[in-house]
C-alpha cells in the first residue's frame, strides 16, 4: 500500500463527523467487541471456517435477526422490554 492509498483509507467525510459523540464512540466499541464475540462463537460451531468466513456468517446472522424476532413474539416482547429499560434509564 502506498502513501496515497493510506491517506484515502483514513478520509472522514463531514457528515460522519456530525454524528460523532462520546456516547456513539463508546457504543461502537461495545458493538465491535460483541461482534467479535459472535465471530468467535461461529468459529466454535465450525472451526474450519476462516476468520473472514466466520465474520461473513456472523453478518448474515445479524442481518436475519429482525425476521427472527418478528417470527417469535416472546423474543420481540423481550426486545421491547429492554428498549423500555434503556429509555427509562435516560
N, C-alpha and C. Protein backbone atom coordinates (compact mmCIF):
# COMPACT_ATOMS: atom_id res chain seq x y z
N UNK A 1 0.85 -1.18 0.00
CA UNK A 1 0.00 0.00 0.00
C UNK A 1 0.89 1.23 0.00
N UNK A 2 0.66 2.12 -0.95
CA UNK A 2 1.48 3.32 -0.99
C UNK A 2 0.85 4.43 -0.15
N UNK A 3 1.55 5.54 -0.05
CA UNK A 3 1.11 6.65 0.81
C UNK A 3 -0.25 7.21 0.39
N UNK A 4 -0.52 7.31 -0.91
CA UNK A 4 -1.82 7.80 -1.39
C UNK A 4 -2.95 6.88 -0.96
N UNK A 5 -2.75 5.58 -1.04
CA UNK A 5 -3.78 4.63 -0.63
C UNK A 5 -4.05 4.73 0.87
N UNK A 6 -3.02 4.92 1.64
CA UNK A 6 -3.18 5.03 3.09
C UNK A 6 -3.98 6.29 3.41
N UNK A 7 -3.66 7.40 2.78
CA UNK A 7 -4.42 8.63 3.03
C UNK A 7 -5.87 8.46 2.65
N UNK A 8 -6.13 7.80 1.55
CA UNK A 8 -7.51 7.59 1.11
C UNK A 8 -8.26 6.71 2.09
N UNK A 9 -7.57 5.81 2.75
CA UNK A 9 -8.22 4.89 3.67
C UNK A 9 -8.66 5.55 4.96
N UNK A 10 -8.11 6.74 5.28
CA UNK A 10 -8.46 7.38 6.55
C UNK A 10 -9.24 8.68 6.37
N UNK A 11 -9.80 8.89 5.20
CA UNK A 11 -10.60 10.09 4.97
C UNK A 11 -11.90 9.98 5.75
N UNK A 12 -12.26 11.06 6.44
CA UNK A 12 -13.53 11.12 7.17
C UNK A 12 -14.37 12.21 6.52
N UNK A 13 -15.57 11.82 6.13
CA UNK A 13 -16.47 12.76 5.48
C UNK A 13 -17.16 13.65 6.51
N UNK A 14 -17.48 14.90 6.14
CA UNK A 14 -18.10 15.82 7.10
C UNK A 14 -19.39 15.27 7.73
N UNK A 15 -20.21 14.56 6.95
CA UNK A 15 -21.45 14.03 7.53
C UNK A 15 -21.19 12.97 8.60
N UNK A 16 -20.04 12.31 8.54
CA UNK A 16 -19.69 11.35 9.58
C UNK A 16 -19.30 12.08 10.87
N UNK A 17 -18.67 13.21 10.75
CA UNK A 17 -18.25 13.97 11.92
C UNK A 17 -19.46 14.46 12.70
N UNK A 18 -20.53 14.83 12.00
CA UNK A 18 -21.72 15.33 12.66
C UNK A 18 -22.32 14.32 13.63
N UNK A 19 -22.15 13.04 13.36
CA UNK A 19 -22.75 12.02 14.18
C UNK A 19 -21.82 11.52 15.28
N UNK A 20 -20.60 11.99 15.31
CA UNK A 20 -19.64 11.53 16.31
C UNK A 20 -19.98 12.13 17.68
N UNK A 21 -19.93 11.30 18.69
CA UNK A 21 -20.12 11.74 20.07
C UNK A 21 -19.43 10.72 20.96
N UNK A 22 -19.12 11.11 22.19
CA UNK A 22 -18.51 10.14 23.10
C UNK A 22 -19.41 8.91 23.31
N UNK A 23 -20.71 9.15 23.40
CA UNK A 23 -21.64 8.04 23.61
C UNK A 23 -21.64 7.10 22.41
N UNK A 24 -21.68 7.66 21.20
CA UNK A 24 -21.68 6.84 20.00
C UNK A 24 -20.35 6.10 19.85
N UNK A 25 -19.25 6.76 20.18
CA UNK A 25 -17.95 6.10 20.14
C UNK A 25 -17.92 4.92 21.11
N UNK A 26 -18.47 5.13 22.30
CA UNK A 26 -18.48 4.07 23.30
C UNK A 26 -19.31 2.88 22.84
N UNK A 27 -20.51 3.15 22.34
CA UNK A 27 -21.37 2.05 21.91
C UNK A 27 -20.80 1.37 20.66
N UNK A 28 -20.07 2.10 19.83
CA UNK A 28 -19.41 1.49 18.67
C UNK A 28 -18.34 0.50 19.13
N UNK A 29 -17.63 0.85 20.19
CA UNK A 29 -16.64 -0.08 20.75
C UNK A 29 -17.33 -1.32 21.30
N UNK A 30 -18.47 -1.13 21.95
CA UNK A 30 -19.22 -2.26 22.50
C UNK A 30 -19.69 -3.18 21.39
N UNK A 31 -20.28 -2.63 20.33
CA UNK A 31 -20.79 -3.46 19.24
C UNK A 31 -19.65 -4.18 18.53
N UNK A 32 -18.50 -3.53 18.41
CA UNK A 32 -17.34 -4.18 17.79
C UNK A 32 -16.90 -5.37 18.64
N UNK A 33 -16.85 -5.18 19.95
CA UNK A 33 -16.45 -6.26 20.85
C UNK A 33 -17.46 -7.41 20.78
N UNK A 34 -18.76 -7.08 20.82
CA UNK A 34 -19.79 -8.11 20.78
C UNK A 34 -19.80 -8.85 19.44
N UNK A 35 -19.55 -8.13 18.36
CA UNK A 35 -19.47 -8.78 17.05
C UNK A 35 -18.29 -9.75 17.02
N UNK A 36 -17.19 -9.35 17.60
CA UNK A 36 -16.03 -10.22 17.69
C UNK A 36 -16.37 -11.48 18.49
N UNK A 37 -17.13 -11.32 19.56
CA UNK A 37 -17.56 -12.47 20.35
C UNK A 37 -18.45 -13.40 19.53
N UNK A 38 -19.33 -12.83 18.71
CA UNK A 38 -20.20 -13.64 17.85
C UNK A 38 -19.37 -14.40 16.83
N UNK A 39 -18.37 -13.75 16.26
CA UNK A 39 -17.49 -14.43 15.29
C UNK A 39 -16.75 -15.56 15.98
N UNK A 40 -16.28 -15.33 17.21
CA UNK A 40 -15.64 -16.41 17.97
C UNK A 40 -16.60 -17.59 18.14
N UNK A 41 -17.85 -17.29 18.48
CA UNK A 41 -18.87 -18.33 18.67
C UNK A 41 -19.09 -19.10 17.37
N UNK A 42 -19.21 -18.38 16.26
CA UNK A 42 -19.40 -19.03 14.95
C UNK A 42 -18.25 -19.98 14.67
N UNK A 43 -17.05 -19.59 15.02
CA UNK A 43 -15.90 -20.47 14.79
C UNK A 43 -15.90 -21.69 15.69
N UNK A 44 -16.61 -21.63 16.83
CA UNK A 44 -16.74 -22.84 17.65
C UNK A 44 -17.72 -23.81 17.01
N UNK A 45 -18.67 -23.29 16.26
CA UNK A 45 -19.64 -24.14 15.55
C UNK A 45 -18.94 -24.88 14.42
N UNK A 46 -18.07 -24.16 13.70
CA UNK A 46 -17.31 -24.77 12.60
C UNK A 46 -15.89 -24.22 12.62
N UNK A 47 -15.00 -24.87 13.35
CA UNK A 47 -13.63 -24.38 13.48
C UNK A 47 -12.85 -24.31 12.16
N UNK A 48 -13.36 -24.96 11.12
CA UNK A 48 -12.65 -24.92 9.84
C UNK A 48 -12.90 -23.62 9.07
N UNK A 49 -13.87 -22.82 9.53
CA UNK A 49 -14.10 -21.53 8.88
C UNK A 49 -12.92 -20.60 9.15
N UNK A 50 -12.52 -19.86 8.13
CA UNK A 50 -11.52 -18.81 8.36
C UNK A 50 -12.18 -17.68 9.13
N UNK A 51 -11.37 -16.77 9.63
CA UNK A 51 -11.92 -15.62 10.37
C UNK A 51 -12.83 -14.80 9.46
N UNK A 52 -12.43 -14.62 8.23
CA UNK A 52 -13.24 -13.85 7.27
C UNK A 52 -14.56 -14.57 7.02
N UNK A 53 -14.52 -15.87 6.81
CA UNK A 53 -15.74 -16.64 6.57
C UNK A 53 -16.67 -16.60 7.78
N UNK A 54 -16.10 -16.74 8.97
CA UNK A 54 -16.90 -16.68 10.19
C UNK A 54 -17.51 -15.30 10.38
N UNK A 55 -16.79 -14.25 10.00
CA UNK A 55 -17.32 -12.89 10.09
C UNK A 55 -18.46 -12.70 9.10
N UNK A 56 -18.30 -13.24 7.90
CA UNK A 56 -19.37 -13.17 6.90
C UNK A 56 -20.62 -13.88 7.42
N UNK A 57 -20.45 -15.04 8.03
CA UNK A 57 -21.60 -15.78 8.58
C UNK A 57 -22.22 -15.01 9.73
N UNK A 58 -21.41 -14.41 10.58
CA UNK A 58 -21.94 -13.60 11.68
C UNK A 58 -22.76 -12.43 11.15
N UNK A 59 -22.29 -11.80 10.08
CA UNK A 59 -23.04 -10.71 9.46
C UNK A 59 -24.39 -11.20 8.94
N UNK A 60 -24.40 -12.39 8.35
CA UNK A 60 -25.66 -12.96 7.85
C UNK A 60 -26.61 -13.24 9.01
N UNK A 61 -26.08 -13.71 10.14
CA UNK A 61 -26.91 -13.95 11.32
C UNK A 61 -27.52 -12.65 11.82
N UNK A 62 -26.71 -11.61 11.89
CA UNK A 62 -27.20 -10.30 12.33
C UNK A 62 -28.27 -9.79 11.38
N UNK A 63 -28.03 -9.93 10.09
CA UNK A 63 -28.99 -9.48 9.08
C UNK A 63 -30.34 -10.18 9.24
N UNK A 64 -30.31 -11.44 9.66
CA UNK A 64 -31.54 -12.21 9.81
C UNK A 64 -32.27 -12.01 11.13
N UNK A 65 -31.68 -11.30 12.07
CA UNK A 65 -32.29 -11.14 13.38
C UNK A 65 -33.67 -10.48 13.35
N UNK A 66 -33.88 -9.40 12.62
CA UNK A 66 -35.22 -8.78 12.64
C UNK A 66 -36.34 -9.76 12.25
N UNK A 67 -36.13 -10.54 11.22
CA UNK A 67 -37.15 -11.52 10.81
C UNK A 67 -37.34 -12.56 11.91
N UNK A 68 -36.25 -12.98 12.53
CA UNK A 68 -36.33 -13.97 13.60
C UNK A 68 -37.15 -13.41 14.78
N UNK A 69 -36.89 -12.16 15.15
CA UNK A 69 -37.64 -11.55 16.24
C UNK A 69 -39.12 -11.40 15.87
N UNK A 70 -39.39 -11.00 14.65
CA UNK A 70 -40.78 -10.84 14.21
C UNK A 70 -41.53 -12.17 14.19
N UNK A 71 -40.82 -13.26 13.97
CA UNK A 71 -41.44 -14.59 13.95
C UNK A 71 -41.60 -15.18 15.35
N UNK A 72 -40.96 -14.57 16.34
CA UNK A 72 -41.01 -15.08 17.71
C UNK A 72 -41.47 -13.95 18.62
N UNK A 73 -42.77 -13.95 18.92
CA UNK A 73 -43.35 -12.84 19.69
C UNK A 73 -42.77 -12.72 21.10
N UNK A 74 -42.36 -13.83 21.69
CA UNK A 74 -41.76 -13.78 23.02
C UNK A 74 -40.41 -13.04 22.98
N UNK A 75 -39.60 -13.36 21.97
CA UNK A 75 -38.32 -12.64 21.82
C UNK A 75 -38.56 -11.16 21.53
N UNK A 76 -39.53 -10.87 20.67
CA UNK A 76 -39.83 -9.48 20.32
C UNK A 76 -40.28 -8.71 21.56
N UNK A 77 -41.10 -9.34 22.40
CA UNK A 77 -41.54 -8.69 23.64
C UNK A 77 -40.34 -8.41 24.54
N UNK A 78 -39.36 -9.31 24.57
CA UNK A 78 -38.16 -9.09 25.37
C UNK A 78 -37.34 -7.92 24.85
N UNK A 79 -37.26 -7.78 23.53
CA UNK A 79 -36.55 -6.64 22.94
C UNK A 79 -37.25 -5.34 23.30
N UNK A 80 -38.58 -5.34 23.19
CA UNK A 80 -39.35 -4.14 23.53
C UNK A 80 -39.19 -3.78 25.00
N UNK A 81 -39.17 -4.79 25.86
CA UNK A 81 -39.00 -4.55 27.29
C UNK A 81 -37.62 -3.95 27.57
N UNK A 82 -36.60 -4.48 26.91
CA UNK A 82 -35.25 -3.95 27.09
C UNK A 82 -35.16 -2.51 26.58
N UNK A 83 -35.84 -2.21 25.48
CA UNK A 83 -35.87 -0.85 24.94
C UNK A 83 -36.49 0.10 25.96
N UNK A 84 -37.55 -0.33 26.62
CA UNK A 84 -38.17 0.49 27.65
C UNK A 84 -37.22 0.74 28.82
N UNK A 85 -36.47 -0.29 29.21
CA UNK A 85 -35.50 -0.14 30.29
C UNK A 85 -34.43 0.88 29.92
N UNK A 86 -33.98 0.83 28.68
CA UNK A 86 -32.97 1.79 28.22
C UNK A 86 -33.52 3.20 28.25
N UNK A 87 -34.74 3.38 27.74
CA UNK A 87 -35.34 4.72 27.75
C UNK A 87 -35.58 5.23 29.16
N UNK A 88 -35.99 4.34 30.07
CA UNK A 88 -36.23 4.75 31.45
C UNK A 88 -34.95 5.11 32.19
N UNK A 89 -33.82 4.64 31.70
CA UNK A 89 -32.53 4.93 32.34
C UNK A 89 -31.93 6.25 31.86
N UNK A 90 -32.59 6.94 30.94
CA UNK A 90 -32.06 8.21 30.43
C UNK A 90 -31.91 9.22 31.55
